C-alpha cells in the first residue's frame, strides 16, 4: 500500500466532508468539548471550495491495487483567508473573516489550510506528506513564508514542523460557543 498526494476535485467534496466530520469528532475530542466540535462543524470546519477551484487543496489517498481511499486532506492558498470552510461566512466579523484577496508572495505568507486526517491513519505521516506538498507548491509560487490557524490538536504537528505560535484567537461559533485557534507561522527567508 502506498500514499499518493493529488489535487482535490469537486467530485471529492462529499467524501471530504465525511472525512472532516469523522476526523474532528474523533481526533479533536480530547481538546474541544462536544458543543465546540458541533459548532465548529456547522460553521467553521469543512471544505473550502475556493481551494478546490484554485487546485491548491490536496488529498492523500491510500492506494492498494485498484482501490483508492482518501485518508487525509489539506491545502495552501495564495488568498488572504486564514481558516474556515464554505460555511464560515461573512457573518463572522473581525480580522479573520473570509477574504479571497490575492496575497503578494514577496510580502505575504501563503496560508496553510484545512488539514484533516482519517483517525485510522494518524501518526503514519499523512499530515506531513500533505504539508510537504503544500509548502513545496507555495514556495514554487514564490512564497517565502507560511501562516496557518491551527486547532489545539493540530498545533502539535505544526510545532514539530517548525511553525511558531504568534497569536491565540477565539473564533465565535454559530451555536454561541468559542473555538480556540492558534495562529502560527514559519518563514523560509525572513524579511
C-alpha atoms as a PDB file:
ATOM      1  CA  UNK A   1       0.000   0.000   0.000  1.00  0.00           C
ATOM      2  CA  UNK A   2       1.251   3.466  -0.866  1.00  0.00           C
ATOM      3  CA  UNK A   3       0.078   7.004  -0.138  1.00  0.00           C
ATOM      4  CA  UNK A   4      -0.312   9.336  -3.099  1.00  0.00           C
ATOM      5  CA  UNK A   5      -0.976  13.078  -2.982  1.00  0.00           C
ATOM      6  CA  UNK A   6      -3.127  14.714  -5.659  1.00  0.00           C
ATOM      7  CA  UNK A   7      -5.230  17.863  -6.066  1.00  0.00           C
ATOM      8  CA  UNK A   8      -8.797  17.536  -4.833  1.00  0.00           C
ATOM      9  CA  UNK A   9     -11.568  17.783  -7.420  1.00  0.00           C
ATOM     10  CA  UNK A  10     -15.196  18.828  -6.958  1.00  0.00           C
ATOM     11  CA  UNK A  11     -16.303  15.190  -7.044  1.00  0.00           C
ATOM     12  CA  UNK A  12     -14.243  14.558  -3.873  1.00  0.00           C
ATOM     13  CA  UNK A  13     -16.169  17.099  -1.785  1.00  0.00           C
ATOM     14  CA  UNK A  14     -18.865  14.733  -0.371  1.00  0.00           C
ATOM     15  CA  UNK A  15     -16.189  12.226   0.703  1.00  0.00           C
ATOM     16  CA  UNK A  16     -14.036  15.026   2.139  1.00  0.00           C
ATOM     17  CA  UNK A  17     -16.953  16.360   4.202  1.00  0.00           C
ATOM     18  CA  UNK A  18     -17.435  12.878   5.706  1.00  0.00           C
ATOM     19  CA  UNK A  19     -13.701  12.576   6.399  1.00  0.00           C
ATOM     20  CA  UNK A  20     -13.608  16.011   8.064  1.00  0.00           C
ATOM     21  CA  UNK A  21     -16.583  15.180  10.311  1.00  0.00           C
ATOM     22  CA  UNK A  22     -15.053  11.840  11.379  1.00  0.00           C
ATOM     23  CA  UNK A  23     -11.602  13.347  11.891  1.00  0.00           C
ATOM     24  CA  UNK A  24     -12.865  16.254  14.007  1.00  0.00           C
ATOM     25  CA  UNK A  25     -15.251  14.173  16.131  1.00  0.00           C
ATOM     26  CA  UNK A  26     -12.589  11.540  16.823  1.00  0.00           C
ATOM     27  CA  UNK A  27      -9.227  13.296  16.906  1.00  0.00           C
ATOM     28  CA  UNK A  28     -10.221  16.619  18.435  1.00  0.00           C
ATOM     29  CA  UNK A  29     -12.411  15.203  21.215  1.00  0.00           C
ATOM     30  CA  UNK A  30      -9.550  15.453  23.730  1.00  0.00           C
ATOM     31  CA  UNK A  31      -9.038  19.170  23.013  1.00  0.00           C
ATOM     32  CA  UNK A  32     -12.564  20.512  22.441  1.00  0.00           C
ATOM     33  CA  UNK A  33     -15.952  19.945  24.071  1.00  0.00           C
ATOM     34  CA  UNK A  34     -18.758  18.226  22.132  1.00  0.00           C
ATOM     35  CA  UNK A  35     -20.524  21.606  21.845  1.00  0.00           C
ATOM     36  CA  UNK A  36     -17.389  23.248  20.406  1.00  0.00           C
ATOM     37  CA  UNK A  37     -16.982  20.386  17.921  1.00  0.00           C
ATOM     38  CA  UNK A  38     -20.634  20.562  16.836  1.00  0.00           C
ATOM     39  CA  UNK A  39     -20.459  24.342  16.473  1.00  0.00           C
ATOM     40  CA  UNK A  40     -17.189  24.202  14.543  1.00  0.00           C
ATOM     41  CA  UNK A  41     -18.505  21.564  12.136  1.00  0.00           C
ATOM     42  CA  UNK A  42     -21.606  23.679  11.466  1.00  0.00           C
ATOM     43  CA  UNK A  43     -19.814  26.975  10.941  1.00  0.00           C
ATOM     44  CA  UNK A  44     -16.005  26.779  10.577  1.00  0.00           C
ATOM     45  CA  UNK A  45     -14.714  23.344   9.608  1.00  0.00           C
ATOM     46  CA  UNK A  46     -15.397  21.950   6.168  1.00  0.00           C
ATOM     47  CA  UNK A  47     -14.171  22.081   2.611  1.00  0.00           C
ATOM     48  CA  UNK A  48     -13.322  25.493   1.174  1.00  0.00           C
ATOM     49  CA  UNK A  49     -14.414  25.088  -2.449  1.00  0.00           C
ATOM     50  CA  UNK A  50     -12.235  28.091  -3.417  1.00  0.00           C
ATOM     51  CA  UNK A  51      -9.163  25.978  -2.618  1.00  0.00           C
ATOM     52  CA  UNK A  52     -10.532  23.160  -4.781  1.00  0.00           C
ATOM     53  CA  UNK A  53     -11.148  25.635  -7.638  1.00  0.00           C
ATOM     54  CA  UNK A  54      -7.643  27.064  -7.196  1.00  0.00           C
ATOM     55  CA  UNK A  55      -6.263  23.488  -7.343  1.00  0.00           C
ATOM     56  CA  UNK A  56      -4.406  24.046  -4.062  1.00  0.00           C
ATOM     57  CA  UNK A  57      -6.429  21.644  -1.900  1.00  0.00           C
ATOM     58  CA  UNK A  58      -4.816  18.231  -1.767  1.00  0.00           C
ATOM     59  CA  UNK A  59      -5.945  14.760  -0.832  1.00  0.00           C
ATOM     60  CA  UNK A  60      -3.830  11.876   0.389  1.00  0.00           C
ATOM     61  CA  UNK A  61      -5.034   8.554  -0.975  1.00  0.00           C
ATOM     62  CA  UNK A  62      -4.103   5.086   0.156  1.00  0.00           C
ATOM     63  CA  UNK A  63      -3.582   3.000  -2.951  1.00  0.00           C
ATOM     64  CA  UNK A  64      -3.756  -0.795  -2.955  1.00  0.00           C
ATOM     65  CA  UNK A  65      -4.126  -2.222  -6.444  1.00  0.00           C
ATOM     66  CA  UNK A  66      -7.161  -0.550  -7.970  1.00  0.00           C
ATOM     67  CA  UNK A  67      -8.554   0.541  -4.593  1.00  0.00           C
ATOM     68  CA  UNK A  68      -8.116   4.183  -3.591  1.00  0.00           C
ATOM     69  CA  UNK A  69      -9.340   5.721  -0.362  1.00  0.00           C
ATOM     70  CA  UNK A  70      -8.936   9.312   0.764  1.00  0.00           C
ATOM     71  CA  UNK A  71      -7.152   9.226   4.142  1.00  0.00           C
ATOM     72  CA  UNK A  72      -6.281  12.902   4.587  1.00  0.00           C
ATOM     73  CA  UNK A  73      -6.632  16.368   3.124  1.00  0.00           C
ATOM     74  CA  UNK A  74      -5.130  19.825   3.440  1.00  0.00           C
ATOM     75  CA  UNK A  75      -4.116  22.711   1.281  1.00  0.00           C
ATOM     76  CA  UNK A  76      -2.407  26.005   0.792  1.00  0.00           C
ATOM     77  CA  UNK A  77      -3.680  29.278  -0.541  1.00  0.00           C
ATOM     78  CA  UNK A  78      -2.476  32.445  -2.179  1.00  0.00           C
ATOM     79  CA  UNK A  79      -5.583  34.168  -0.771  1.00  0.00           C
ATOM     80  CA  UNK A  80      -5.961  36.121   2.489  1.00  0.00           C
ATOM     81  CA  UNK A  81      -8.415  33.757   4.240  1.00  0.00           C
ATOM     82  CA  UNK A  82      -6.626  32.084   7.159  1.00  0.00           C
ATOM     83  CA  UNK A  83      -9.180  29.379   8.002  1.00  0.00           C
ATOM     84  CA  UNK A  84     -12.784  28.294   7.517  1.00  0.00           C
ATOM     85  CA  UNK A  85     -14.705  26.251   5.014  1.00  0.00           C
ATOM     86  CA  UNK A  86     -17.588  27.337   2.807  1.00  0.00           C
ATOM     87  CA  UNK A  87     -19.927  27.643   5.821  1.00  0.00           C
ATOM     88  CA  UNK A  88     -17.630  30.205   7.515  1.00  0.00           C
ATOM     89  CA  UNK A  89     -19.420  33.215   6.090  1.00  0.00           C
ATOM     90  CA  UNK A  90     -19.427  36.981   6.186  1.00  0.00           C
ATOM     91  CA  UNK A  91     -21.364  36.976   9.464  1.00  0.00           C
ATOM     92  CA  UNK A  92     -18.117  36.028  11.210  1.00  0.00           C
ATOM     93  CA  UNK A  93     -16.726  39.537  11.617  1.00  0.00           C
ATOM     94  CA  UNK A  94     -13.244  40.565  12.581  1.00  0.00           C
ATOM     95  CA  UNK A  95      -9.758  40.161  11.244  1.00  0.00           C
ATOM     96  CA  UNK A  96     -10.262  36.502  10.335  1.00  0.00           C
ATOM     97  CA  UNK A  97     -13.342  36.628   8.116  1.00  0.00           C
ATOM     98  CA  UNK A  98     -13.189  35.014   4.686  1.00  0.00           C
ATOM     99  CA  UNK A  99     -11.393  37.175   2.127  1.00  0.00           C
ATOM    100  CA  UNK A 100     -10.468  35.991  -1.347  1.00  0.00           C
ATOM    101  CA  UNK A 101      -7.970  38.829  -1.882  1.00  0.00           C
ATOM    102  CA  UNK A 102      -4.775  37.551  -3.524  1.00  0.00           C
ATOM    103  CA  UNK A 103      -1.576  37.773  -1.487  1.00  0.00           C
ATOM    104  CA  UNK A 104       1.780  39.166  -2.631  1.00  0.00           C
ATOM    105  CA  UNK A 105       4.329  36.305  -2.388  1.00  0.00           C
ATOM    106  CA  UNK A 106       7.146  38.791  -1.825  1.00  0.00           C
ATOM    107  CA  UNK A 107       5.432  40.347   1.184  1.00  0.00           C
ATOM    108  CA  UNK A 108       2.806  37.922   2.498  1.00  0.00           C
ATOM    109  CA  UNK A 109       2.849  34.378   3.830  1.00  0.00           C
ATOM    110  CA  UNK A 110       0.949  31.678   1.951  1.00  0.00           C
ATOM    111  CA  UNK A 111      -1.890  30.247   4.006  1.00  0.00           C
ATOM    112  CA  UNK A 112      -1.742  26.580   5.016  1.00  0.00           C
ATOM    113  CA  UNK A 113      -5.352  25.438   5.301  1.00  0.00           C
ATOM    114  CA  UNK A 114      -7.833  22.811   6.442  1.00  0.00           C
ATOM    115  CA  UNK A 115      -5.771  19.749   7.403  1.00  0.00           C
ATOM    116  CA  UNK A 116      -7.710  16.657   8.432  1.00  0.00           C
ATOM    117  CA  UNK A 117      -6.599  13.024   8.681  1.00  0.00           C
ATOM    118  CA  UNK A 118      -8.727   9.895   8.934  1.00  0.00           C
ATOM    119  CA  UNK A 119      -8.465   8.534  12.502  1.00  0.00           C
ATOM    120  CA  UNK A 120      -7.195   5.156  11.238  1.00  0.00           C
ATOM    121  CA  UNK A 121      -4.255   6.936   9.573  1.00  0.00           C
ATOM    122  CA  UNK A 122      -2.933   9.127  12.382  1.00  0.00           C
ATOM    123  CA  UNK A 123       0.771   9.026  13.211  1.00  0.00           C
ATOM    124  CA  UNK A 124       1.581   7.453   9.853  1.00  0.00           C
ATOM    125  CA  UNK A 125       2.984  10.559   8.177  1.00  0.00           C
ATOM    126  CA  UNK A 126      -0.129  11.514   6.196  1.00  0.00           C
ATOM    127  CA  UNK A 127      -0.301  15.072   7.562  1.00  0.00           C
ATOM    128  CA  UNK A 128       3.433  15.550   6.994  1.00  0.00           C
ATOM    129  CA  UNK A 129       3.188  14.343   3.388  1.00  0.00           C
ATOM    130  CA  UNK A 130       0.404  16.822   2.683  1.00  0.00           C
ATOM    131  CA  UNK A 131       2.262  19.614   4.477  1.00  0.00           C
ATOM    132  CA  UNK A 132       5.454  18.927   2.486  1.00  0.00           C
ATOM    133  CA  UNK A 133       3.483  19.087  -0.772  1.00  0.00           C
ATOM    134  CA  UNK A 134       1.763  22.340   0.280  1.00  0.00           C
ATOM    135  CA  UNK A 135       4.975  24.043   1.375  1.00  0.00           C
ATOM    136  CA  UNK A 136       6.768  22.969  -1.809  1.00  0.00           C
ATOM    137  CA  UNK A 137       3.960  24.240  -4.055  1.00  0.00           C
ATOM    138  CA  UNK A 138       3.704  27.561  -2.191  1.00  0.00           C
ATOM    139  CA  UNK A 139       7.494  28.040  -2.315  1.00  0.00           C
ATOM    140  CA  UNK A 140       7.449  27.274  -6.061  1.00  0.00           C
ATOM    141  CA  UNK A 141       4.807  30.031  -6.398  1.00  0.00           C
ATOM    142  CA  UNK A 142       7.291  32.447  -4.805  1.00  0.00           C
ATOM    143  CA  UNK A 143       6.121  32.496  -1.184  1.00  0.00           C
ATOM    144  CA  UNK A 144       8.853  32.831   1.448  1.00  0.00           C
ATOM    145  CA  UNK A 145       6.714  32.018   4.445  1.00  0.00           C
ATOM    146  CA  UNK A 146       3.610  30.198   5.604  1.00  0.00           C
ATOM    147  CA  UNK A 147       0.865  31.048   8.064  1.00  0.00           C
ATOM    148  CA  UNK A 148      -1.999  28.974   9.441  1.00  0.00           C
ATOM    149  CA  UNK A 149      -4.753  28.809  12.021  1.00  0.00           C
ATOM    150  CA  UNK A 150      -4.103  25.585  13.939  1.00  0.00           C
ATOM    151  CA  UNK A 151      -6.576  23.773  16.106  1.00  0.00           C
ATOM    152  CA  UNK A 152      -5.343  22.783  19.556  1.00  0.00           C
ATOM    153  CA  UNK A 153      -4.949  19.272  18.115  1.00  0.00           C
ATOM    154  CA  UNK A 154      -3.047  20.433  15.014  1.00  0.00           C
ATOM    155  CA  UNK A 155      -0.716  22.714  16.971  1.00  0.00           C
ATOM    156  CA  UNK A 156       1.423  19.699  17.901  1.00  0.00           C
ATOM    157  CA  UNK A 157       2.077  18.656  14.281  1.00  0.00           C
ATOM    158  CA  UNK A 158       2.797  22.169  13.079  1.00  0.00           C
ATOM    159  CA  UNK A 159       5.014  22.931  16.074  1.00  0.00           C
ATOM    160  CA  UNK A 160       7.109  19.845  15.312  1.00  0.00           C
ATOM    161  CA  UNK A 161       7.428  21.101  11.721  1.00  0.00           C
ATOM    162  CA  UNK A 162       8.944  24.472  12.691  1.00  0.00           C
ATOM    163  CA  UNK A 163       5.819  26.629  12.992  1.00  0.00           C
ATOM    164  CA  UNK A 164       5.741  29.090  15.875  1.00  0.00           C
ATOM    165  CA  UNK A 165       2.652  30.366  17.675  1.00  0.00           C
ATOM    166  CA  UNK A 166       2.156  34.094  17.156  1.00  0.00           C
ATOM    167  CA  UNK A 167      -1.394  34.676  18.396  1.00  0.00           C
ATOM    168  CA  UNK A 168      -4.242  32.913  20.164  1.00  0.00           C
ATOM    169  CA  UNK A 169      -7.642  33.512  18.561  1.00  0.00           C
ATOM    170  CA  UNK A 170     -11.120  32.817  19.899  1.00  0.00           C
ATOM    171  CA  UNK A 171     -13.409  32.110  16.956  1.00  0.00           C
ATOM    172  CA  UNK A 172     -17.129  32.634  17.679  1.00  0.00           C
ATOM    173  CA  UNK A 173     -19.251  29.694  16.577  1.00  0.00           C
ATOM    174  CA  UNK A 174     -22.834  29.713  15.309  1.00  0.00           C
ATOM    175  CA  UNK A 175     -24.066  27.891  18.440  1.00  0.00           C
ATOM    176  CA  UNK A 176     -22.631  30.502  20.830  1.00  0.00           C
ATOM    177  CA  UNK A 177     -19.513  28.506  21.706  1.00  0.00           C
ATOM    178  CA  UNK A 178     -15.974  29.742  21.085  1.00  0.00           C
ATOM    179  CA  UNK A 179     -13.248  27.748  19.299  1.00  0.00           C
ATOM    180  CA  UNK A 180      -9.659  28.421  20.426  1.00  0.00           C
ATOM    181  CA  UNK A 181      -7.318  28.543  17.415  1.00  0.00           C
ATOM    182  CA  UNK A 182      -3.588  29.273  17.307  1.00  0.00           C
ATOM    183  CA  UNK A 183      -2.223  31.480  14.536  1.00  0.00           C
ATOM    184  CA  UNK A 184       1.208  30.089  13.628  1.00  0.00           C
ATOM    185  CA  UNK A 185       3.877  30.968  11.070  1.00  0.00           C
ATOM    186  CA  UNK A 186       7.088  29.691   9.555  1.00  0.00           C
ATOM    187  CA  UNK A 187       9.451  31.635   7.337  1.00  0.00           C
ATOM    188  CA  UNK A 188      11.903  30.176   4.838  1.00  0.00           C
ATOM    189  CA  UNK A 189      13.518  33.541   4.216  1.00  0.00           C
ATOM    190  CA  UNK A 190      12.759  36.176   6.860  1.00  0.00           C
ATOM    191  CA  UNK A 191      12.116  39.751   5.849  1.00  0.00           C
END
